[in-house]
Amino acid sequence: MPEGLPIDHEHVLNGTMVGYAQQLIVCTGQRNWTSRIEDDGKDQGWGNLVRGLKSLMGRGGPYLDPFNNILVTNSSLKPSPSTTNHSTASALLFPAFKYIPSIPTSIDPSSTTNSPTNLKTFIRAFLLPKRLHATQTSLSQSKQTSLTRTPELQSTHFPDTIDISHSPTILICGHSGRDKRCGIMAPVLETEFQRVLRGVGFDSVGSEIEGGVSGGVDAPNHANVGLISHVGGHKYAGNVIVYIPPKMMVRSSGSGSGPTLHPLAGKGIWYGRVEPKHVQGIVDETVLGGRVVTDHFRGGIDRNGDILRL
């Protein structure tokens, strides 16, 4: 544990997680970013994706919805080799548990079609809510339709989307451009998570998300581990998010019993004040056992986007 870091050990962690409907994990291949991630990645596909989402879903954007908070987060996970220029980017989406290797970053305001080269198509396919909040029923029917997801666009325009059904994803805030505490803690925790996960049977652990068993986003015995940008609560470093895939199984402790569905399948669990000495316990209890470590619990999200509290 690095010494001298001003970590808040006084406040209760439960309930300190930011509320969100979905978290988009943008694959940058970098391990740190500027303070405002929308100012980073000039002439990079991932940078254009973040800026485009902010312009379309942020203040003044056509898809602004105060009840649909999309948490856009940069990560050290490497983008697909197909994203060779500034026009496409790769990302993981939770709690939908999907990997979209090629997302268009261009915005064509004159387009009225569902062109796959239009970022609006991606937003309408994945990021808009399935249904609007009850207070929005007073909006015109056309406005309600424009703010509601069109899921059939996923298969017609993003056929290469991969479901993350079996591989857990562990994300560690390492954004030293925002706060040195996470910048110092994250690499230490990343190394320890990789070591512990390999020790319990994950043959492939890391930020490579293409290429089969050696780095597939949903390959057998694989775990995705990466650093991410600011998610709030730097004073609670280290901050760790554990996403348990919807089809992950656990071995039953009963004699002669087969594997059963993971108790936290399809959920994301946020932890704070994580030190290297806690990593083995988090892997044993949460990743393998399906139990929440209450002393570190900041909050969570289920497959429907509902926020979890203790």
Protein backbone atom coordinates (compact mmCIF):
# COMPACT_ATOMS: atom_id res chain seq x y z
CA MET A 1 0.00 0.00 0.00
CA PRO A 2 1.54 3.37 -1.02
CA GLU A 3 2.09 5.55 2.04
CA GLY A 4 0.95 9.10 2.70
CA LEU A 5 -2.19 9.15 0.54
CA PRO A 6 -5.06 11.24 2.03
CA ILE A 7 -7.81 8.62 1.81
CA ASP A 8 -11.19 9.28 3.46
CA HIS A 9 -11.79 6.48 5.98
CA GLU A 10 -14.51 8.33 7.90
CA HIS A 11 -17.57 8.58 5.67
CA VAL A 12 -19.93 5.66 5.02
CA LEU A 13 -19.34 4.29 1.52
CA ASN A 14 -22.81 2.85 0.88
CA GLY A 15 -24.70 5.23 -1.41
CA THR A 16 -21.67 7.19 -2.67
CA MET A 17 -21.84 5.71 -6.17
CA VAL A 18 -23.11 8.08 -8.86
CA GLY A 19 -26.52 7.12 -10.21
CA TYR A 20 -26.50 6.11 -13.88
CA ALA A 21 -28.54 4.14 -16.39
CA GLN A 22 -25.63 2.71 -18.39
CA GLN A 23 -21.84 2.98 -18.42
CA LEU A 24 -20.02 3.18 -21.74
CA ILE A 25 -16.39 2.06 -21.39
CA VAL A 26 -14.49 3.63 -24.29
CA CYS A 27 -11.45 1.64 -25.42
CA THR A 28 -8.50 4.03 -25.82
CA GLY A 29 -5.42 1.86 -25.25
CA GLN A 30 -4.05 4.66 -23.06
CA ARG A 31 -3.45 4.50 -19.32
CA ASN A 32 -4.18 8.13 -18.48
CA TRP A 33 -6.13 11.08 -19.85
CA THR A 34 -6.49 14.83 -19.48
CA SER A 35 -8.72 16.12 -16.70
CA ARG A 36 -11.69 16.53 -19.07
CA ILE A 37 -11.78 13.44 -21.28
CA GLU A 38 -13.76 15.28 -23.97
CA ASP A 39 -10.64 17.43 -24.53
CA ASP A 40 -8.44 14.39 -25.12
CA GLY A 41 -7.78 12.12 -28.09
CA LYS A 42 -7.49 14.75 -30.82
CA ASP A 43 -7.74 13.06 -34.23
CA GLN A 44 -8.44 9.75 -32.47
CA GLY A 45 -11.63 7.77 -32.95
CA TRP A 46 -12.15 7.34 -29.23
CA GLY A 47 -11.73 11.06 -28.61
CA ASN A 48 -14.22 11.90 -31.34
CA LEU A 49 -16.67 9.39 -29.83
CA VAL A 50 -16.55 11.06 -26.41
CA ARG A 51 -16.93 14.55 -27.88
CA GLY A 52 -19.74 13.45 -30.16
CA LEU A 53 -21.68 11.85 -27.31
CA LYS A 54 -21.30 14.98 -25.21
CA SER A 55 -22.62 17.20 -28.02
CA LEU A 56 -25.59 14.93 -28.75
CA MET A 57 -26.54 13.79 -25.23
CA GLY A 58 -25.22 16.67 -23.14
CA ARG A 59 -26.62 20.12 -22.50
CA GLY A 60 -28.32 21.47 -25.60
CA GLY A 61 -28.09 18.14 -27.43
CA PRO A 62 -31.07 16.54 -29.21
CA TYR A 63 -30.92 13.45 -26.97
CA LEU A 64 -30.59 15.24 -23.64
CA ASP A 65 -32.65 13.36 -21.04
CA PRO A 66 -32.18 14.14 -17.33
CA PHE A 67 -33.56 10.70 -16.45
CA ASN A 68 -31.10 8.84 -18.69
CA ASN A 69 -27.61 9.42 -17.32
CA ILE A 70 -25.03 7.67 -19.52
CA LEU A 71 -21.70 7.47 -17.69
CA VAL A 72 -19.05 7.79 -20.42
CA THR A 73 -15.68 6.53 -19.18
CA ASN A 74 -12.34 6.17 -20.94
CA SER A 75 -10.39 2.96 -20.36
CA SER A 76 -6.98 1.43 -21.00
CA LEU A 77 -8.67 -1.46 -22.81
CA LYS A 78 -7.35 -1.56 -26.35
CA PRO A 79 -9.67 -0.74 -29.27
CA SER A 80 -10.36 -3.17 -32.08
CA PRO A 81 -7.70 -3.22 -34.83
CA SER A 82 -10.51 -2.24 -37.21
CA THR A 83 -10.59 1.26 -35.67
CA THR A 84 -7.60 2.46 -37.66
CA ASN A 85 -8.73 6.05 -38.14
CA HIS A 86 -10.66 8.82 -36.45
CA SER A 87 -14.05 7.73 -37.86
CA THR A 88 -14.66 4.69 -35.61
CA ALA A 89 -14.12 3.65 -32.00
CA SER A 90 -14.62 0.60 -29.74
CA ALA A 91 -16.45 0.40 -26.41
CA LEU A 92 -18.00 -1.91 -23.83
CA LEU A 93 -21.50 -1.18 -22.54
CA PHE A 94 -22.76 -2.10 -19.07
CA PRO A 95 -25.06 -3.40 -17.65
CA ALA A 96 -26.03 -4.47 -21.18
CA PHE A 97 -22.78 -6.49 -21.16
CA LYS A 98 -21.95 -5.82 -24.81
CA TYR A 99 -18.78 -5.07 -26.73
CA ILE A 100 -19.21 -2.93 -29.85
CA PRO A 101 -15.93 -3.06 -31.80
CA SER A 102 -16.78 -0.44 -34.42
CA ILE A 103 -18.82 2.63 -33.46
CA PRO A 104 -19.16 5.46 -36.01
CA THR A 105 -18.01 8.80 -34.62
CA SER A 106 -19.17 11.13 -37.40
CA ILE A 107 -22.27 13.29 -36.99
CA ASP A 108 -24.22 14.16 -40.12
CA PRO A 109 -26.91 16.67 -39.16
CA SER A 110 -28.40 16.59 -42.66
CA SER A 111 -28.92 12.83 -42.65
CA THR A 112 -32.45 11.54 -42.18
CA THR A 113 -31.54 7.87 -42.64
CA ASN A 114 -30.18 5.31 -40.20
CA SER A 115 -26.77 5.33 -41.84
CA PRO A 116 -24.19 3.22 -39.97
CA THR A 117 -21.75 6.11 -40.43
CA ASN A 118 -23.84 8.26 -38.13
CA LEU A 119 -23.21 8.37 -34.38
CA LYS A 120 -26.90 9.06 -33.88
CA THR A 121 -27.64 5.52 -35.06
CA PHE A 122 -25.50 4.12 -32.25
CA ILE A 123 -27.20 6.33 -29.66
CA ARG A 124 -30.67 5.31 -30.87
CA ALA A 125 -29.70 1.63 -30.96
CA PHE A 126 -28.01 1.32 -27.55
CA LEU A 127 -28.03 4.42 -25.34
CA LEU A 128 -31.55 5.84 -25.31
CA PRO A 129 -33.90 4.44 -22.63
CA LYS A 130 -36.28 1.61 -23.46
CA ARG A 131 -39.09 3.68 -21.96
CA LEU A 132 -39.33 7.27 -20.81
CA HIS A 133 -39.86 8.52 -17.28
CA ALA A 134 -43.48 8.99 -16.23
CA THR A 135 -43.08 12.78 -16.12
CA GLN A 136 -42.20 12.85 -19.84
CA THR A 137 -45.59 11.61 -21.04
CA SER A 138 -46.61 15.24 -21.61
CA LEU A 139 -44.10 15.49 -24.46
CA SER A 140 -45.40 15.23 -28.01
CA GLN A 141 -45.56 11.72 -29.46
CA SER A 142 -42.83 12.52 -31.98
CA LYS A 143 -40.54 13.82 -29.21
CA GLN A 144 -41.19 10.73 -27.09
CA THR A 145 -40.35 8.51 -30.06
CA SER A 146 -37.13 10.41 -30.76
CA LEU A 147 -35.98 9.93 -27.14
CA THR A 148 -36.77 6.20 -26.99
CA ARG A 149 -34.44 3.36 -27.99
CA THR A 150 -34.85 1.54 -31.30
CA PRO A 151 -33.26 -1.84 -30.44
CA GLU A 152 -33.73 -3.37 -33.89
CA LEU A 153 -30.97 -1.04 -35.11
CA GLN A 154 -28.49 -3.14 -33.11
CA SER A 155 -28.69 -6.17 -35.38
CA THR A 156 -29.16 -4.29 -38.64
CA HIS A 157 -26.33 -1.77 -38.19
CA PHE A 158 -24.02 -3.34 -35.58
CA PRO A 159 -23.94 -7.06 -36.43
CA ASP A 160 -20.42 -7.47 -35.02
CA THR A 161 -21.59 -6.69 -31.46
CA ILE A 162 -20.41 -9.31 -28.94
CA ASP A 163 -22.34 -10.30 -25.82
CA ILE A 164 -20.14 -10.45 -22.72
CA SER A 165 -21.75 -13.49 -21.13
CA HIS A 166 -19.00 -15.31 -19.24
CA SER A 167 -15.93 -13.10 -18.61
CA PRO A 168 -15.93 -10.77 -15.57
CA THR A 169 -14.74 -7.20 -16.13
CA ILE A 170 -12.81 -5.35 -13.43
CA LEU A 171 -12.29 -1.59 -13.83
CA ILE A 172 -9.98 0.47 -11.62
CA CYS A 173 -10.01 4.27 -11.55
CA GLY A 174 -6.50 5.38 -12.56
CA HIS A 175 -7.14 8.93 -13.72
CA SER A 176 -4.11 10.80 -12.38
CA GLY A 177 -5.06 13.71 -14.62
CA ARG A 178 -7.91 14.29 -12.16
CA ASP A 179 -6.40 13.12 -8.86
CA LYS A 180 -3.05 11.63 -7.92
CA ARG A 181 -4.58 9.20 -5.40
CA CYS A 182 -6.19 7.08 -8.11
CA GLY A 183 -3.16 7.55 -10.34
CA ILE A 184 -0.91 6.07 -7.66
CA MET A 185 -3.23 3.34 -6.42
CA ALA A 186 -4.55 1.98 -9.73
CA PRO A 187 -1.37 0.43 -11.20
CA VAL A 188 -0.69 -1.34 -7.91
CA LEU A 189 -4.23 -2.71 -7.77
CA GLU A 190 -4.17 -3.67 -11.45
CA THR A 191 -1.05 -5.77 -10.94
CA GLU A 192 -2.53 -7.45 -7.87
CA PHE A 193 -5.86 -8.23 -9.56
CA GLN A 194 -4.00 -9.78 -12.49
CA ARG A 195 -1.86 -11.89 -10.16
CA VAL A 196 -4.77 -13.09 -8.02
CA LEU A 197 -7.05 -13.82 -10.98
CA ARG A 198 -4.38 -15.94 -12.65
CA GLY A 199 -3.89 -17.75 -9.37
CA VAL A 200 -7.54 -18.80 -9.21
CA GLY A 201 -7.71 -20.13 -12.75
CA PHE A 202 -8.15 -17.26 -15.18
CA ASP A 203 -5.65 -18.14 -17.89
CA SER A 204 -6.01 -14.83 -19.71
CA VAL A 205 -6.17 -11.55 -17.80
CA GLY A 206 -5.62 -8.09 -19.20
CA SER A 207 -6.61 -5.27 -21.51
CA GLU A 208 -6.43 -7.13 -24.83
CA ILE A 209 -10.01 -7.72 -25.97
CA GLU A 210 -9.47 -9.23 -29.40
CA GLY A 211 -7.86 -12.44 -30.56
CA GLY A 212 -9.46 -15.54 -29.11
CA VAL A 213 -8.59 -17.21 -25.83
CA SER A 214 -5.43 -15.16 -25.38
CA GLY A 215 -7.49 -11.99 -25.20
CA GLY A 216 -11.11 -12.44 -26.19
CA VAL A 217 -13.60 -10.10 -24.55
CA ASP A 218 -15.74 -13.12 -23.67
CA ALA A 219 -13.31 -16.02 -23.97
CA PRO A 220 -13.23 -19.03 -21.61
CA ASN A 221 -11.27 -18.42 -18.41
CA HIS A 222 -10.68 -14.80 -19.40
CA ALA A 223 -11.13 -11.68 -17.25
CA ASN A 224 -11.06 -8.13 -18.59
CA VAL A 225 -9.01 -5.85 -16.33
CA GLY A 226 -8.37 -2.19 -17.13
CA LEU A 227 -7.83 1.32 -15.81
CA ILE A 228 -10.59 3.89 -16.27
CA SER A 229 -11.10 7.63 -16.04
CA HIS A 230 -12.90 9.58 -13.32
CA VAL A 231 -16.05 7.99 -11.87
CA GLY A 232 -16.34 10.17 -8.75
CA GLY A 233 -15.07 9.68 -5.22
CA HIS A 234 -11.31 10.04 -5.61
CA LYS A 235 -11.09 10.46 -1.85
CA TYR A 236 -12.22 6.82 -1.60
CA ALA A 237 -9.33 5.47 -3.70
CA GLY A 238 -8.84 2.81 -4.79
CA ASN A 239 -12.13 2.73 -6.63
CA VAL A 240 -12.99 -0.57 -8.31
CA ILE A 241 -16.02 -1.65 -10.37
CA VAL A 242 -16.71 -5.35 -10.83
CA TYR A 243 -19.14 -6.37 -13.58
CA ILE A 244 -20.29 -9.99 -13.31
CA PRO A 245 -21.54 -11.31 -16.70
CA PRO A 246 -25.12 -12.65 -16.91
CA LYS A 247 -24.15 -16.27 -17.63
CA MET A 248 -21.23 -16.65 -15.23
CA MET A 249 -21.44 -19.78 -13.11
CA VAL A 250 -20.09 -20.66 -9.67
CA ARG A 251 -19.18 -24.06 -8.35
CA SER A 252 -21.69 -25.35 -5.84
CA SER A 253 -20.35 -26.13 -2.37
CA GLY A 254 -22.77 -29.02 -2.06
CA SER A 255 -21.47 -32.55 -2.48
CA GLY A 256 -22.02 -33.82 -5.99
CA SER A 257 -23.77 -30.65 -7.11
CA GLY A 258 -22.93 -29.04 -10.43
CA PRO A 259 -22.26 -25.36 -11.14
CA THR A 260 -25.02 -22.82 -10.50
CA LEU A 261 -25.70 -19.33 -11.81
CA HIS A 262 -23.58 -16.66 -10.13
CA PRO A 263 -25.67 -14.80 -7.47
CA LEU A 264 -24.46 -11.44 -8.86
CA ALA A 265 -24.86 -12.37 -12.53
CA GLY A 266 -25.73 -9.33 -14.65
CA LYS A 267 -24.80 -6.84 -11.92
CA GLY A 268 -22.11 -4.22 -11.41
CA ILE A 269 -20.64 -3.74 -7.92
CA TRP A 270 -18.76 -0.57 -6.97
CA TYR A 271 -16.10 -0.72 -4.26
CA GLY A 272 -14.07 2.00 -2.56
CA ARG A 273 -11.06 2.20 -0.26
CA VAL A 274 -9.62 -0.91 -1.90
CA GLU A 275 -6.00 -1.68 -1.02
CA PRO A 276 -3.81 -4.46 -2.45
CA LYS A 277 -4.44 -6.53 0.68
CA HIS A 278 -8.18 -6.55 -0.15
CA VAL A 279 -7.86 -7.88 -3.71
CA GLN A 280 -7.72 -11.58 -2.81
CA GLY A 281 -10.86 -11.21 -0.72
CA ILE A 282 -12.75 -9.35 -3.47
CA VAL A 283 -11.84 -12.02 -6.01
CA ASP A 284 -12.75 -14.87 -3.65
CA GLU A 285 -15.96 -13.33 -2.31
CA THR A 286 -17.37 -11.33 -5.21
CA VAL A 287 -15.88 -12.65 -8.46
CA LEU A 288 -15.95 -16.31 -7.46
CA GLY A 289 -18.46 -16.50 -4.62
CA GLY A 290 -21.12 -13.96 -5.57
CA ARG A 291 -21.06 -12.12 -2.26
CA VAL A 292 -20.79 -8.36 -1.70
CA VAL A 293 -18.01 -7.12 0.58
CA THR A 294 -20.05 -4.66 2.62
CA ASP A 295 -17.10 -2.77 4.12
CA HIS A 296 -16.11 -1.53 0.65
CA PHE A 297 -19.54 -1.31 -1.03
CA ARG A 298 -20.32 2.08 -2.67
CA GLY A 299 -23.36 0.90 -4.62
CA GLY A 300 -24.28 -1.18 -7.62
CA ILE A 301 -26.45 -1.55 -10.69
CA ASP A 302 -28.53 -4.47 -11.94
CA ARG A 303 -29.28 -5.65 -15.49
CA ASN A 304 -32.32 -3.37 -15.69
CA GLY A 305 -30.33 -0.28 -14.74
CA ASP A 306 -31.77 -0.10 -11.23
CA ILE A 307 -29.38 1.20 -8.55
CA LEU A 308 -28.46 -1.22 -5.76
CA ARG A 309 -28.09 -0.16 -2.12
CA LEU A 310 -27.59 -2.14 1.07
